[in-house]
C-alpha atoms as a PDB file:
ATOM      1  CA  UNK A   1      82.774 112.943  67.168  1.00  0.00           C
ATOM      2  CA  UNK A   2      80.538 112.684  70.151  1.00  0.00           C
ATOM      3  CA  UNK A   3      81.233 114.076  73.448  1.00  0.00           C
ATOM      4  CA  UNK A   4      79.700 111.243  75.277  1.00  0.00           C
ATOM      5  CA  UNK A   5      82.171 109.048  76.912  1.00  0.00           C
ATOM      6  CA  UNK A   6      82.013 105.745  79.095  1.00  0.00           C
ATOM      7  CA  UNK A   7      81.220 107.877  82.338  1.00  0.00           C
ATOM      8  CA  UNK A   8      78.163 109.227  81.026  1.00  0.00           C
ATOM      9  CA  UNK A   9      76.291 105.991  80.338  1.00  0.00           C
ATOM     10  CA  UNK A  10      78.033 103.425  82.714  1.00  0.00           C
ATOM     11  CA  UNK A  11      76.268 101.510  85.444  1.00  0.00           C
ATOM     12  CA  UNK A  12      77.992 101.618  88.610  1.00  0.00           C
ATOM     13  CA  UNK A  13      80.292  98.874  89.794  1.00  0.00           C
ATOM     14  CA  UNK A  14      78.632  95.752  89.671  1.00  0.00           C
ATOM     15  CA  UNK A  15      80.913  92.461  89.568  1.00  0.00           C
ATOM     16  CA  UNK A  16      81.762  88.995  90.445  1.00  0.00           C
ATOM     17  CA  UNK A  17      84.508  88.365  92.993  1.00  0.00           C
ATOM     18  CA  UNK A  18      86.983  85.927  91.283  1.00  0.00           C
ATOM     19  CA  UNK A  19      86.283  83.241  93.988  1.00  0.00           C
ATOM     20  CA  UNK A  20      82.453  83.328  93.697  1.00  0.00           C
ATOM     21  CA  UNK A  21      81.162  79.676  93.343  1.00  0.00           C
ATOM     22  CA  UNK A  22      78.222  77.844  92.515  1.00  0.00           C
ATOM     23  CA  UNK A  23      74.679  78.889  93.047  1.00  0.00           C
ATOM     24  CA  UNK A  24      75.884  82.425  94.605  1.00  0.00           C
ATOM     25  CA  UNK A  25      77.724  82.940  91.146  1.00  0.00           C
ATOM     26  CA  UNK A  26      74.399  82.061  89.258  1.00  0.00           C
ATOM     27  CA  UNK A  27      72.344  84.229  91.521  1.00  0.00           C
ATOM     28  CA  UNK A  28      74.567  87.215  90.556  1.00  0.00           C
ATOM     29  CA  UNK A  29      74.433  86.285  86.897  1.00  0.00           C
ATOM     30  CA  UNK A  30      70.345  86.526  87.049  1.00  0.00           C
ATOM     31  CA  UNK A  31      70.929  90.182  86.989  1.00  0.00           C
ATOM     32  CA  UNK A  32      69.575  92.266  83.967  1.00  0.00           C
ATOM     33  CA  UNK A  33      73.079  92.191  82.492  1.00  0.00           C
ATOM     34  CA  UNK A  34      74.207  89.100  80.095  1.00  0.00           C
ATOM     35  CA  UNK A  35      77.680  89.211  81.594  1.00  0.00           C
ATOM     36  CA  UNK A  36      79.741  90.464  84.722  1.00  0.00           C
ATOM     37  CA  UNK A  37      83.255  91.481  85.208  1.00  0.00           C
ATOM     38  CA  UNK A  38      85.264  89.260  87.591  1.00  0.00           C
ATOM     39  CA  UNK A  39      87.554  91.179  89.946  1.00  0.00           C
ATOM     40  CA  UNK A  40      90.350  90.169  92.243  1.00  0.00           C
ATOM     41  CA  UNK A  41      90.708  91.242  95.919  1.00  0.00           C
ATOM     42  CA  UNK A  42      91.984  94.754  94.695  1.00  0.00           C
ATOM     43  CA  UNK A  43      88.863  95.236  92.656  1.00  0.00           C
ATOM     44  CA  UNK A  44      90.945  94.981  89.296  1.00  0.00           C
ATOM     45  CA  UNK A  45      89.201  93.308  86.392  1.00  0.00           C
ATOM     46  CA  UNK A  46      90.662  90.156  85.671  1.00  0.00           C
ATOM     47  CA  UNK A  47      87.954  88.749  83.104  1.00  0.00           C
ATOM     48  CA  UNK A  48      84.382  88.653  82.450  1.00  0.00           C
ATOM     49  CA  UNK A  49      81.946  85.757  83.099  1.00  0.00           C
ATOM     50  CA  UNK A  50      78.965  85.622  80.574  1.00  0.00           C
ATOM     51  CA  UNK A  51      76.025  83.327  80.293  1.00  0.00           C
ATOM     52  CA  UNK A  52      77.813  81.772  77.327  1.00  0.00           C
ATOM     53  CA  UNK A  53      80.618  80.921  79.798  1.00  0.00           C
ATOM     54  CA  UNK A  54      77.997  79.365  81.926  1.00  0.00           C
ATOM     55  CA  UNK A  55      76.719  77.387  79.146  1.00  0.00           C
ATOM     56  CA  UNK A  56      80.009  76.264  78.143  1.00  0.00           C
ATOM     57  CA  UNK A  57      80.606  74.874  81.657  1.00  0.00           C
ATOM     58  CA  UNK A  58      77.412  72.920  81.510  1.00  0.00           C
ATOM     59  CA  UNK A  59      78.270  71.714  77.933  1.00  0.00           C
ATOM     60  CA  UNK A  60      81.405  70.263  79.479  1.00  0.00           C
ATOM     61  CA  UNK A  61      79.387  68.351  82.041  1.00  0.00           C
ATOM     62  CA  UNK A  62      80.246  70.597  84.987  1.00  0.00           C
ATOM     63  CA  UNK A  63      77.881  71.134  87.832  1.00  0.00           C
ATOM     64  CA  UNK A  64      77.196  74.266  89.498  1.00  0.00           C
ATOM     65  CA  UNK A  65      79.408  73.145  92.396  1.00  0.00           C
ATOM     66  CA  UNK A  66      82.290  72.487  90.056  1.00  0.00           C
ATOM     67  CA  UNK A  67      83.245  76.021  88.907  1.00  0.00           C
ATOM     68  CA  UNK A  68      83.850  79.474  90.087  1.00  0.00           C
ATOM     69  CA  UNK A  69      83.786  82.808  88.299  1.00  0.00           C
ATOM     70  CA  UNK A  70      87.671  82.743  87.882  1.00  0.00           C
ATOM     71  CA  UNK A  71      87.504  79.109  86.333  1.00  0.00           C
ATOM     72  CA  UNK A  72      84.791  80.070  83.686  1.00  0.00           C
ATOM     73  CA  UNK A  73      85.817  83.742  82.963  1.00  0.00           C
ATOM     74  CA  UNK A  74      87.227  84.991  79.754  1.00  0.00           C
ATOM     75  CA  UNK A  75      89.470  87.891  79.258  1.00  0.00           C
ATOM     76  CA  UNK A  76      88.103  89.066  75.790  1.00  0.00           C
ATOM     77  CA  UNK A  77      90.894  88.001  73.829  1.00  0.00           C
ATOM     78  CA  UNK A  78      91.250  84.808  71.519  1.00  0.00           C
ATOM     79  CA  UNK A  79      93.163  82.889  74.097  1.00  0.00           C
ATOM     80  CA  UNK A  80      90.920  81.486  77.152  1.00  0.00           C
ATOM     81  CA  UNK A  81      93.705  81.476  79.776  1.00  0.00           C
ATOM     82  CA  UNK A  82      94.137  83.953  82.537  1.00  0.00           C
ATOM     83  CA  UNK A  83      95.581  87.060  81.033  1.00  0.00           C
ATOM     84  CA  UNK A  84      96.936  90.412  82.524  1.00  0.00           C
ATOM     85  CA  UNK A  85      95.233  92.609  80.089  1.00  0.00           C
ATOM     86  CA  UNK A  86      91.558  91.762  79.856  1.00  0.00           C
ATOM     87  CA  UNK A  87      89.524  94.009  77.604  1.00  0.00           C
ATOM     88  CA  UNK A  88      88.338  96.978  79.428  1.00  0.00           C
ATOM     89  CA  UNK A  89      87.567 100.972  78.577  1.00  0.00           C
ATOM     90  CA  UNK A  90      88.377 103.760  80.882  1.00  0.00           C
ATOM     91  CA  UNK A  91      85.702 106.500  81.985  1.00  0.00           C
ATOM     92  CA  UNK A  92      86.777 108.733  79.234  1.00  0.00           C
ATOM     93  CA  UNK A  93      86.641 106.331  76.564  1.00  0.00           C
ATOM     94  CA  UNK A  94      84.374 107.877  73.743  1.00  0.00           C
ATOM     95  CA  UNK A  95      81.280 105.870  72.696  1.00  0.00           C
ATOM     96  CA  UNK A  96      82.129 105.576  69.167  1.00  0.00           C
ATOM     97  CA  UNK A  97      85.164 103.447  70.545  1.00  0.00           C
ATOM     98  CA  UNK A  98      82.966 101.514  72.927  1.00  0.00           C
ATOM     99  CA  UNK A  99      80.468 100.671  70.149  1.00  0.00           C
ATOM    100  CA  UNK A 100      83.386  99.439  67.868  1.00  0.00           C
ATOM    101  CA  UNK A 101      85.005  97.375  70.584  1.00  0.00           C
ATOM    102  CA  UNK A 102      81.456  95.780  71.398  1.00  0.00           C
ATOM    103  CA  UNK A 103      80.588  95.293  67.779  1.00  0.00           C
ATOM    104  CA  UNK A 104      84.096  93.828  66.796  1.00  0.00           C
ATOM    105  CA  UNK A 105      84.406  91.409  69.508  1.00  0.00           C
ATOM    106  CA  UNK A 106      80.825  90.621  69.769  1.00  0.00           C
ATOM    107  CA  UNK A 107      80.722  91.713  73.655  1.00  0.00           C
ATOM    108  CA  UNK A 108      77.587  92.174  75.553  1.00  0.00           C
ATOM    109  CA  UNK A 109      79.233  94.414  78.276  1.00  0.00           C
ATOM    110  CA  UNK A 110      82.424  96.146  78.883  1.00  0.00           C
ATOM    111  CA  UNK A 111      84.109  96.730  82.187  1.00  0.00           C
ATOM    112  CA  UNK A 112      84.952 100.502  82.866  1.00  0.00           C
ATOM    113  CA  UNK A 113      88.034 101.069  84.821  1.00  0.00           C
ATOM    114  CA  UNK A 114      90.014 103.975  86.311  1.00  0.00           C
ATOM    115  CA  UNK A 115      93.588 102.821  87.416  1.00  0.00           C
ATOM    116  CA  UNK A 116      92.855  99.224  86.940  1.00  0.00           C
ATOM    117  CA  UNK A 117      90.213  99.202  89.273  1.00  0.00           C
ATOM    118  CA  UNK A 118      86.598  98.546  88.242  1.00  0.00           C
ATOM    119  CA  UNK A 119      84.234 101.626  88.469  1.00  0.00           C
ATOM    120  CA  UNK A 120      81.153 100.454  86.300  1.00  0.00           C
ATOM    121  CA  UNK A 121      80.202  98.601  83.242  1.00  0.00           C
ATOM    122  CA  UNK A 122      78.506  99.491  79.947  1.00  0.00           C
ATOM    123  CA  UNK A 123      76.206  96.942  78.189  1.00  0.00           C
ATOM    124  CA  UNK A 124      74.482  97.262  74.895  1.00  0.00           C
ATOM    125  CA  UNK A 125      71.370  98.441  76.500  1.00  0.00           C
ATOM    126  CA  UNK A 126      73.121 101.164  78.157  1.00  0.00           C
ATOM    127  CA  UNK A 127      73.952 102.590  74.940  1.00  0.00           C
ATOM    128  CA  UNK A 128      70.514 102.103  73.414  1.00  0.00           C
ATOM    129  CA  UNK A 129      68.960 103.713  76.421  1.00  0.00           C
ATOM    130  CA  UNK A 130      71.279 106.666  76.174  1.00  0.00           C
ATOM    131  CA  UNK A 131      70.507 107.103  72.398  1.00  0.00           C
ATOM    132  CA  UNK A 132      66.749 107.077  73.501  1.00  0.00           C
ATOM    133  CA  UNK A 133      67.159 109.890  76.010  1.00  0.00           C
ATOM    134  CA  UNK A 134      65.978 113.124  74.110  1.00  0.00           C
ATOM    135  CA  UNK A 135      68.698 115.394  73.557  1.00  0.00           C
ATOM    136  CA  UNK A 136      71.225 113.299  74.835  1.00  0.00           C
ATOM    137  CA  UNK A 137      72.989 112.697  71.291  1.00  0.00           C
ATOM    138  CA  UNK A 138      72.348 115.897  69.228  1.00  0.00           C
ATOM    139  CA  UNK A 139      71.053 114.741  65.711  1.00  0.00           C
ATOM    140  CA  UNK A 140      74.127 116.706  64.167  1.00  0.00           C
ATOM    141  CA  UNK A 141      76.396 114.205  65.589  1.00  0.00           C
ATOM    142  CA  UNK A 142      75.331 111.068  63.741  1.00  0.00           C
ATOM    143  CA  UNK A 143      76.999 110.416  60.350  1.00  0.00           C
ATOM    144  CA  UNK A 144      74.209 109.661  57.957  1.00  0.00           C
ATOM    145  CA  UNK A 145      74.758 106.718  55.574  1.00  0.00           C
ATOM    146  CA  UNK A 146      73.547 106.838  52.093  1.00  0.00           C
END
């Protein structure tokens, strides 16, 4: 098992306030990440807004003035209602667990939390960049598949 954990590869906190609306919401989603965590006033993660969530809102016929981060976000579970336990990882979650969550749930980003508060995000690109960094993951830590 690798000794690489979330805090080693995460991007510092970047998020959307739950009440963020319209054009401001879209501007923030124009960042290099395909999704962003949604936080409440206490900086606790309450969901994630992805590019697909915006496309869903457009498919429903909603304009940018008719939705907020909170109204289009998802929590990562099968249901699409507000949930008290959105999918997140902690700063000490091993990279293997992060990859498994991302792969099994088809997530593009995962919020990283400490004491329920957002401290960063990890995207698939963060993982790929870490893999490309010389010496970051020693070769002996990879399982070879035959």
